[in-house]
Amino acid sequence: DEKGCMQLYESGIYKFLVSMRTTLDDAGLDLLGLLFHNVSLKKAVLAPGMLVTLLELARGCKTVRAMWIVRTICNLSGTIKGRAALGKERKLVPLLSMMMRSGGTEADLVQRYGAIICCNVFSGFVDRSIIDTLIKNETIADLLVVTLLRVNSSGTKEHLGKALFNLLARQEFRLKMTDLNIVD
């Protein structure tokens, strides 16, 4: 319900949800991921502490919560402010790469939304040091492996291909990626 989501947002629901992460069991954390997702459908904004909370909730998770969290981040990546904030987060792309290769409940959807996030983030400004780190620690190479070997959906492969294209469009990284044989 759009009206209900807007009332929740205006009443500070994101602050409340961020504060709940340390007090819930696994089933409660799954519901917390669902709540973040549902509110983000109507009002995709990054509240203080929200991205850190989302990344913590997703780390190592193979339940439906992973899909809710990745879809929430995907909703955020569809906004200019969200994309800018996500482009500054060093842990995001490595976590997405790990999640896209790890399987679990709703693995196809986790891969699809993870691919969209990568595509959106790489289409905006990402700090040079973050991209350098992603290349050095082989996260970009891993995304290529995920694209070629782990993803079954042609639509997800297309989004990951666009993400890599967005990265290769930046001249300073194109040479590094070809010199390291990331893209052969």
C-alpha atoms as a PDB file:
ATOM      1  CA  ASP A   1       0.000   0.000   0.000  1.00  0.00           C
ATOM      2  CA  GLU A   2       1.670   3.197  -1.201  1.00  0.00           C
ATOM      3  CA  LYS A   3      -0.020   5.413   1.389  1.00  0.00           C
ATOM      4  CA  GLY A   4       0.995   3.080   4.201  1.00  0.00           C
ATOM      5  CA  CYS A   5       4.601   2.890   2.950  1.00  0.00           C
ATOM      6  CA  MET A   6       4.806   6.684   2.751  1.00  0.00           C
ATOM      7  CA  GLN A   7       3.444   7.026   6.292  1.00  0.00           C
ATOM      8  CA  LEU A   8       6.002   4.479   7.517  1.00  0.00           C
ATOM      9  CA  TYR A   9       8.792   6.311   5.731  1.00  0.00           C
ATOM     10  CA  GLU A  10       7.741   9.682   7.138  1.00  0.00           C
ATOM     11  CA  SER A  11       7.548   8.230  10.647  1.00  0.00           C
ATOM     12  CA  GLY A  12      11.190   7.105  10.471  1.00  0.00           C
ATOM     13  CA  ILE A  13      10.768   3.425   9.626  1.00  0.00           C
ATOM     14  CA  TYR A  14      14.312   3.135   8.236  1.00  0.00           C
ATOM     15  CA  LYS A  15      15.847   4.264  11.538  1.00  0.00           C
ATOM     16  CA  PHE A  16      13.705   1.729  13.360  1.00  0.00           C
ATOM     17  CA  LEU A  17      14.617  -1.089  10.947  1.00  0.00           C
ATOM     18  CA  VAL A  18      18.341  -0.298  11.227  1.00  0.00           C
ATOM     19  CA  SER A  19      18.078  -0.452  15.025  1.00  0.00           C
ATOM     20  CA  MET A  20      16.328  -3.864  14.920  1.00  0.00           C
ATOM     21  CA  ARG A  21      19.158  -5.835  13.274  1.00  0.00           C
ATOM     22  CA  THR A  22      20.909  -6.756  16.524  1.00  0.00           C
ATOM     23  CA  THR A  23      17.816  -7.973  18.370  1.00  0.00           C
ATOM     24  CA  LEU A  24      16.301 -10.512  15.963  1.00  0.00           C
ATOM     25  CA  ASP A  25      16.734 -14.230  15.294  1.00  0.00           C
ATOM     26  CA  ASP A  26      17.111 -15.593  11.742  1.00  0.00           C
ATOM     27  CA  ALA A  27      13.367 -15.636  11.032  1.00  0.00           C
ATOM     28  CA  GLY A  28      13.106 -12.052  12.287  1.00  0.00           C
ATOM     29  CA  LEU A  29      16.057 -11.014  10.121  1.00  0.00           C
ATOM     30  CA  ASP A  30      14.302 -12.537   7.103  1.00  0.00           C
ATOM     31  CA  LEU A  31      11.228 -10.417   7.888  1.00  0.00           C
ATOM     32  CA  LEU A  32      13.458  -7.380   8.411  1.00  0.00           C
ATOM     33  CA  GLY A  33      14.848  -7.877   4.896  1.00  0.00           C
ATOM     34  CA  LEU A  34      11.291  -8.121   3.578  1.00  0.00           C
ATOM     35  CA  LEU A  35      10.315  -4.890   5.345  1.00  0.00           C
ATOM     36  CA  PHE A  36      13.308  -3.030   3.878  1.00  0.00           C
ATOM     37  CA  HIS A  37      12.307  -4.347   0.467  1.00  0.00           C
ATOM     38  CA  ASN A  38       8.631  -3.444   0.694  1.00  0.00           C
ATOM     39  CA  VAL A  39       9.311   0.120   1.807  1.00  0.00           C
ATOM     40  CA  SER A  40      12.007   0.535  -0.882  1.00  0.00           C
ATOM     41  CA  LEU A  41       9.435  -0.282  -3.563  1.00  0.00           C
ATOM     42  CA  LYS A  42       7.677   2.992  -2.790  1.00  0.00           C
ATOM     43  CA  LYS A  43      10.500   5.119  -1.334  1.00  0.00           C
ATOM     44  CA  ALA A  44      14.010   3.977  -2.250  1.00  0.00           C
ATOM     45  CA  VAL A  45      16.270   6.155  -0.106  1.00  0.00           C
ATOM     46  CA  LEU A  46      19.432   5.477   1.851  1.00  0.00           C
ATOM     47  CA  ALA A  47      18.908   6.392   5.478  1.00  0.00           C
ATOM     48  CA  PRO A  48      21.872   6.653   7.871  1.00  0.00           C
ATOM     49  CA  GLY A  49      23.240   3.192   8.693  1.00  0.00           C
ATOM     50  CA  MET A  50      20.970   1.501   6.182  1.00  0.00           C
ATOM     51  CA  LEU A  51      23.575   0.327   3.656  1.00  0.00           C
ATOM     52  CA  VAL A  52      25.808  -1.106   6.371  1.00  0.00           C
ATOM     53  CA  THR A  53      22.775  -2.903   7.812  1.00  0.00           C
ATOM     54  CA  LEU A  54      21.762  -4.292   4.417  1.00  0.00           C
ATOM     55  CA  LEU A  55      25.287  -5.559   3.732  1.00  0.00           C
ATOM     56  CA  GLU A  56      25.476  -7.195   7.174  1.00  0.00           C
ATOM     57  CA  LEU A  57      22.086  -8.856   6.670  1.00  0.00           C
ATOM     58  CA  ALA A  58      23.163 -10.229   3.280  1.00  0.00           C
ATOM     59  CA  ARG A  59      26.637 -11.488   4.213  1.00  0.00           C
ATOM     60  CA  GLY A  60      26.688 -15.296   4.183  1.00  0.00           C
ATOM     61  CA  CYS A  61      22.904 -15.504   3.870  1.00  0.00           C
ATOM     62  CA  LYS A  62      21.400 -18.176   1.611  1.00  0.00           C
ATOM     63  CA  THR A  63      17.761 -17.752   2.594  1.00  0.00           C
ATOM     64  CA  VAL A  64      15.094 -15.667   0.896  1.00  0.00           C
ATOM     65  CA  ARG A  65      16.459 -12.732   2.930  1.00  0.00           C
ATOM     66  CA  ALA A  66      19.370 -12.478   0.474  1.00  0.00           C
ATOM     67  CA  MET A  67      16.918 -11.896  -2.355  1.00  0.00           C
ATOM     68  CA  TRP A  68      14.975  -9.256  -0.396  1.00  0.00           C
ATOM     69  CA  ILE A  69      18.194  -7.411   0.499  1.00  0.00           C
ATOM     70  CA  VAL A  70      19.653  -7.565  -3.015  1.00  0.00           C
ATOM     71  CA  ARG A  71      16.355  -6.380  -4.462  1.00  0.00           C
ATOM     72  CA  THR A  72      16.269  -3.509  -1.954  1.00  0.00           C
ATOM     73  CA  ILE A  73      19.779  -2.463  -3.000  1.00  0.00           C
ATOM     74  CA  CYS A  74      18.682  -2.822  -6.628  1.00  0.00           C
ATOM     75  CA  ASN A  75      15.811  -0.414  -5.968  1.00  0.00           C
ATOM     76  CA  LEU A  76      18.313   2.013  -4.423  1.00  0.00           C
ATOM     77  CA  SER A  77      20.640   1.689  -7.421  1.00  0.00           C
ATOM     78  CA  GLY A  78      17.830   2.921  -9.653  1.00  0.00           C
ATOM     79  CA  THR A  79      18.004   6.421  -8.141  1.00  0.00           C
ATOM     80  CA  ILE A  80      20.740   8.970  -8.765  1.00  0.00           C
ATOM     81  CA  LYS A  81      21.463   9.473  -5.051  1.00  0.00           C
ATOM     82  CA  GLY A  82      21.372   5.751  -4.390  1.00  0.00           C
ATOM     83  CA  ARG A  83      23.732   4.986  -7.262  1.00  0.00           C
ATOM     84  CA  ALA A  84      26.159   7.677  -6.047  1.00  0.00           C
ATOM     85  CA  ALA A  85      26.145   6.272  -2.503  1.00  0.00           C
ATOM     86  CA  LEU A  86      26.529   2.679  -3.701  1.00  0.00           C
ATOM     87  CA  GLY A  87      29.457   3.742  -5.912  1.00  0.00           C
ATOM     88  CA  LYS A  88      31.342   4.740  -2.753  1.00  0.00           C
ATOM     89  CA  GLU A  89      30.850   1.418  -0.940  1.00  0.00           C
ATOM     90  CA  ARG A  90      33.969  -0.759  -1.213  1.00  0.00           C
ATOM     91  CA  LYS A  91      32.318  -3.940   0.059  1.00  0.00           C
ATOM     92  CA  LEU A  92      29.286  -3.948  -2.244  1.00  0.00           C
ATOM     93  CA  VAL A  93      30.597  -5.478  -5.490  1.00  0.00           C
ATOM     94  CA  PRO A  94      32.709  -8.182  -3.755  1.00  0.00           C
ATOM     95  CA  LEU A  95      29.678  -9.165  -1.666  1.00  0.00           C
ATOM     96  CA  LEU A  96      27.448  -9.280  -4.750  1.00  0.00           C
ATOM     97  CA  SER A  97      29.989 -11.398  -6.619  1.00  0.00           C
ATOM     98  CA  MET A  98      30.138 -13.861  -3.717  1.00  0.00           C
ATOM     99  CA  MET A  99      26.351 -13.963  -3.433  1.00  0.00           C
ATOM    100  CA  MET A 100      25.914 -14.559  -7.169  1.00  0.00           C
ATOM    101  CA  ARG A 101      28.192 -17.587  -7.044  1.00  0.00           C
ATOM    102  CA  SER A 102      27.040 -19.099  -3.746  1.00  0.00           C
ATOM    103  CA  GLY A 103      23.568 -20.371  -4.638  1.00  0.00           C
ATOM    104  CA  GLY A 104      20.853 -20.686  -2.022  1.00  0.00           C
ATOM    105  CA  THR A 105      17.159 -19.909  -1.998  1.00  0.00           C
ATOM    106  CA  GLU A 106      16.092 -17.726  -4.921  1.00  0.00           C
ATOM    107  CA  ALA A 107      19.631 -17.866  -6.405  1.00  0.00           C
ATOM    108  CA  ASP A 108      18.439 -16.876  -9.887  1.00  0.00           C
ATOM    109  CA  LEU A 109      16.793 -13.721  -8.535  1.00  0.00           C
ATOM    110  CA  VAL A 110      19.811 -12.873  -6.378  1.00  0.00           C
ATOM    111  CA  GLN A 111      21.957 -13.142  -9.507  1.00  0.00           C
ATOM    112  CA  ARG A 112      19.558 -11.051 -11.583  1.00  0.00           C
ATOM    113  CA  TYR A 113      19.241  -8.207  -9.089  1.00  0.00           C
ATOM    114  CA  GLY A 114      22.971  -8.360  -8.297  1.00  0.00           C
ATOM    115  CA  ALA A 115      23.724  -7.990 -12.008  1.00  0.00           C
ATOM    116  CA  ILE A 116      21.402  -4.977 -12.273  1.00  0.00           C
ATOM    117  CA  ILE A 117      23.098  -3.372  -9.271  1.00  0.00           C
ATOM    118  CA  CYS A 118      26.547  -3.867 -10.838  1.00  0.00           C
ATOM    119  CA  CYS A 119      25.314  -2.436 -14.128  1.00  0.00           C
ATOM    120  CA  ASN A 120      23.801   0.607 -12.430  1.00  0.00           C
ATOM    121  CA  VAL A 121      26.760   1.226 -10.122  1.00  0.00           C
ATOM    122  CA  PHE A 122      29.333   0.941 -12.910  1.00  0.00           C
ATOM    123  CA  SER A 123      27.274   3.324 -15.055  1.00  0.00           C
ATOM    124  CA  GLY A 124      27.768   6.112 -12.496  1.00  0.00           C
ATOM    125  CA  PHE A 125      30.774   7.537 -10.738  1.00  0.00           C
ATOM    126  CA  VAL A 126      32.839   4.956  -8.891  1.00  0.00           C
ATOM    127  CA  ASP A 127      35.997   6.139  -7.178  1.00  0.00           C
ATOM    128  CA  ARG A 128      39.156   5.139  -9.033  1.00  0.00           C
ATOM    129  CA  SER A 129      40.669   3.537  -5.913  1.00  0.00           C
ATOM    130  CA  ILE A 130      37.620   1.269  -5.549  1.00  0.00           C
ATOM    131  CA  ILE A 131      37.872   0.073  -9.155  1.00  0.00           C
ATOM    132  CA  ASP A 132      41.631  -0.431  -8.756  1.00  0.00           C
ATOM    133  CA  THR A 133      40.951  -2.573  -5.682  1.00  0.00           C
ATOM    134  CA  LEU A 134      38.239  -4.562  -7.496  1.00  0.00           C
ATOM    135  CA  ILE A 135      40.706  -5.292 -10.285  1.00  0.00           C
ATOM    136  CA  LYS A 136      43.600  -6.132  -7.899  1.00  0.00           C
ATOM    137  CA  ASN A 137      41.602  -8.458  -5.659  1.00  0.00           C
ATOM    138  CA  GLU A 138      40.176 -10.150  -8.785  1.00  0.00           C
ATOM    139  CA  THR A 139      36.554  -9.243  -8.087  1.00  0.00           C
ATOM    140  CA  ILE A 140      36.118  -8.036 -11.679  1.00  0.00           C
ATOM    141  CA  ALA A 141      37.651 -11.274 -12.983  1.00  0.00           C
ATOM    142  CA  ASP A 142      35.299 -13.181 -10.681  1.00  0.00           C
ATOM    143  CA  LEU A 143      32.314 -11.299 -12.108  1.00  0.00           C
ATOM    144  CA  LEU A 144      33.382 -12.444 -15.548  1.00  0.00           C
ATOM    145  CA  VAL A 145      33.584 -16.053 -14.310  1.00  0.00           C
ATOM    146  CA  VAL A 146      30.161 -15.709 -12.668  1.00  0.00           C
ATOM    147  CA  THR A 147      28.793 -14.334 -15.942  1.00  0.00           C
ATOM    148  CA  LEU A 148      30.196 -17.149 -18.035  1.00  0.00           C
ATOM    149  CA  LEU A 149      29.873 -20.145 -15.715  1.00  0.00           C
ATOM    150  CA  ARG A 150      27.452 -19.561 -12.834  1.00  0.00           C
ATOM    151  CA  VAL A 151      24.567 -17.632 -14.378  1.00  0.00           C
ATOM    152  CA  ASN A 152      21.962 -19.528 -16.390  1.00  0.00           C
ATOM    153  CA  SER A 153      19.607 -16.688 -17.293  1.00  0.00           C
ATOM    154  CA  SER A 154      20.403 -14.889 -20.539  1.00  0.00           C
ATOM    155  CA  GLY A 155      18.859 -11.692 -19.123  1.00  0.00           C
ATOM    156  CA  THR A 156      21.183 -11.816 -16.110  1.00  0.00           C
ATOM    157  CA  LYS A 157      24.155 -12.477 -18.399  1.00  0.00           C
ATOM    158  CA  GLU A 158      23.104  -9.441 -20.413  1.00  0.00           C
ATOM    159  CA  HIS A 159      23.041  -7.216 -17.305  1.00  0.00           C
ATOM    160  CA  LEU A 160      26.458  -8.465 -16.213  1.00  0.00           C
ATOM    161  CA  GLY A 161      27.750  -7.873 -19.742  1.00  0.00           C
ATOM    162  CA  LYS A 162      26.439  -4.300 -19.578  1.00  0.00           C
ATOM    163  CA  ALA A 163      28.114  -3.858 -16.187  1.00  0.00           C
ATOM    164  CA  LEU A 164      31.448  -4.962 -17.635  1.00  0.00           C
ATOM    165  CA  PHE A 165      30.866  -2.746 -20.675  1.00  0.00           C
ATOM    166  CA  ASN A 166      30.211   0.235 -18.380  1.00  0.00           C
ATOM    167  CA  LEU A 167      33.490  -0.486 -16.627  1.00  0.00           C
ATOM    168  CA  LEU A 168      35.399  -0.957 -19.895  1.00  0.00           C
ATOM    169  CA  ALA A 169      34.025   2.346 -21.162  1.00  0.00           C
ATOM    170  CA  ARG A 170      36.365   4.069 -18.712  1.00  0.00           C
ATOM    171  CA  GLN A 171      39.645   4.321 -20.570  1.00  0.00           C
ATOM    172  CA  GLU A 172      41.882   4.188 -17.486  1.00  0.00           C
ATOM    173  CA  PHE A 173      40.532   0.749 -16.557  1.00  0.00           C
ATOM    174  CA  ARG A 174      40.231  -0.746 -20.029  1.00  0.00           C
ATOM    175  CA  LEU A 175      44.011  -1.064 -20.373  1.00  0.00           C
ATOM    176  CA  LYS A 176      44.419  -2.582 -16.899  1.00  0.00           C
ATOM    177  CA  MET A 177      41.723  -5.152 -17.556  1.00  0.00           C
ATOM    178  CA  THR A 178      43.139  -6.173 -20.926  1.00  0.00           C
ATOM    179  CA  ASP A 179      46.746  -6.203 -19.632  1.00  0.00           C
ATOM    180  CA  LEU A 180      45.711  -8.584 -16.842  1.00  0.00           C
ATOM    181  CA  ASN A 181      43.814 -10.774 -19.325  1.00  0.00           C
ATOM    182  CA  ILE A 182      40.556 -10.218 -17.460  1.00  0.00           C
ATOM    183  CA  VAL A 183      38.904  -9.638 -20.795  1.00  0.00           C
ATOM    184  CA  ASP A 184      40.568 -11.780 -23.424  1.00  0.00           C
END
